[in-house]
Amino acid sequence: MNLLGSSELALAFLIACSEKVTVLFILAWLIVTALRGQSAALRHHAWAAGILSSLGLPAFMLLLPAWHSAVLGGAAAFWHPREYDGNRGRF
């Protein structure tokens, strides 16, 4: 059973997973920082939720459908640099 098809798809999947796990850990760190005055058990639960979410993320990415946003897609297109036209010497 070959779910990802080729090595390029597998690499793209791993990169997407690592980006999303990084965001999850940053969110967990921000939550733990906000809970600095609370009990250690509560902060531990926040870290545990972040770690367990990161462990389940690859399975959820394979099983759940992708979500595409027109607004976010337009924003992403806005931030991509234009291609350089070497013949005219401009972008």
Protein backbone atom coordinates (compact mmCIF):
# COMPACT_ATOMS: atom_id res chain seq x y z
CA MET A 1 0.00 0.00 0.00
CA ASN A 2 1.63 3.22 -1.17
CA LEU A 3 -0.31 6.15 0.29
CA LEU A 4 1.99 8.96 -0.75
CA GLY A 5 2.91 7.78 -4.24
CA SER A 6 6.46 8.99 -4.67
CA SER A 7 9.38 10.35 -2.72
CA GLU A 8 8.49 13.94 -3.71
CA LEU A 9 5.01 13.56 -2.23
CA ALA A 10 6.44 11.95 0.91
CA LEU A 11 8.92 14.80 1.32
CA ALA A 12 6.18 17.39 0.81
CA PHE A 13 4.05 15.57 3.38
CA LEU A 14 6.89 15.51 5.92
CA ILE A 15 7.63 19.20 5.39
CA ALA A 16 3.94 20.08 5.83
CA CYS A 17 3.81 17.99 9.00
CA SER A 18 6.93 19.60 10.42
CA GLU A 19 5.57 23.10 9.72
CA LYS A 20 2.27 22.32 11.42
CA VAL A 21 3.95 20.66 14.40
CA THR A 22 6.14 23.73 14.79
CA VAL A 23 3.03 25.91 14.92
CA LEU A 24 1.46 23.54 17.48
CA PHE A 25 4.53 23.72 19.72
CA ILE A 26 4.68 27.50 19.46
CA LEU A 27 1.02 27.68 20.48
CA ALA A 28 1.66 25.30 23.39
CA TRP A 29 4.64 27.41 24.47
CA LEU A 30 2.53 30.60 24.34
CA ILE A 31 -0.21 28.95 26.39
CA VAL A 32 2.31 27.71 28.97
CA THR A 33 3.85 31.19 29.12
CA ALA A 34 0.41 32.69 29.73
CA LEU A 35 -0.15 30.10 32.50
CA ARG A 36 3.11 30.97 34.28
CA GLY A 37 1.36 31.81 37.56
CA GLN A 38 -0.82 28.70 37.53
CA SER A 39 -0.06 25.24 38.86
CA ALA A 40 2.57 23.00 37.33
CA ALA A 41 -0.09 20.38 36.64
CA LEU A 42 -2.03 22.77 34.42
CA ARG A 43 1.12 23.71 32.50
CA HIS A 44 1.94 20.02 32.16
CA HIS A 45 -1.50 19.39 30.66
CA ALA A 46 -0.89 22.16 28.11
CA TRP A 47 2.44 20.60 27.07
CA ALA A 48 0.90 17.12 26.99
CA ALA A 49 -1.94 18.36 24.76
CA GLY A 50 0.59 19.90 22.37
CA ILE A 51 2.70 16.75 22.21
CA LEU A 52 -0.28 14.42 21.77
CA SER A 53 -1.67 16.69 19.05
CA SER A 54 1.65 16.59 17.23
CA LEU A 55 1.69 12.80 17.39
CA GLY A 56 -1.79 12.53 15.89
CA LEU A 57 -1.26 15.20 13.25
CA PRO A 58 0.14 12.98 10.45
CA ALA A 59 -2.76 10.53 10.77
CA PHE A 60 -5.29 13.37 10.75
CA MET A 61 -3.64 14.90 7.67
CA LEU A 62 -4.01 11.60 5.80
CA LEU A 63 -7.54 10.80 6.96
CA LEU A 64 -9.31 14.16 6.96
CA PRO A 65 -10.11 16.20 3.86
CA ALA A 66 -8.03 19.27 3.05
CA TRP A 67 -9.45 22.69 3.80
CA HIS A 68 -8.80 25.49 1.32
CA SER A 69 -9.63 29.13 1.96
CA ALA A 70 -10.07 31.62 -0.85
CA VAL A 71 -9.08 34.48 1.45
CA LEU A 72 -5.88 32.80 2.63
CA GLY A 73 -5.05 31.67 -0.90
CA GLY A 74 -5.37 35.25 -2.13
CA ALA A 75 -3.16 36.47 0.69
CA ALA A 76 -0.54 33.84 -0.14
CA ALA A 77 -0.55 34.89 -3.80
CA PHE A 78 -0.07 38.50 -2.69
CA TRP A 79 3.11 37.64 -0.77
CA HIS A 80 4.81 35.55 -3.49
CA PRO A 81 7.47 37.57 -5.31
CA ARG A 82 7.04 38.18 -8.99
CA GLU A 83 9.34 36.40 -11.40
CA TYR A 84 12.35 38.21 -12.78
CA ASP A 85 12.34 38.87 -16.52
CA GLY A 86 16.00 38.68 -17.47
CA ASN A 87 15.41 39.98 -21.02
CA ARG A 88 13.89 43.25 -19.85
CA GLY A 89 15.90 43.55 -16.64
CA ARG A 90 12.87 43.98 -14.41
CA PHE A 91 10.36 42.04 -12.37
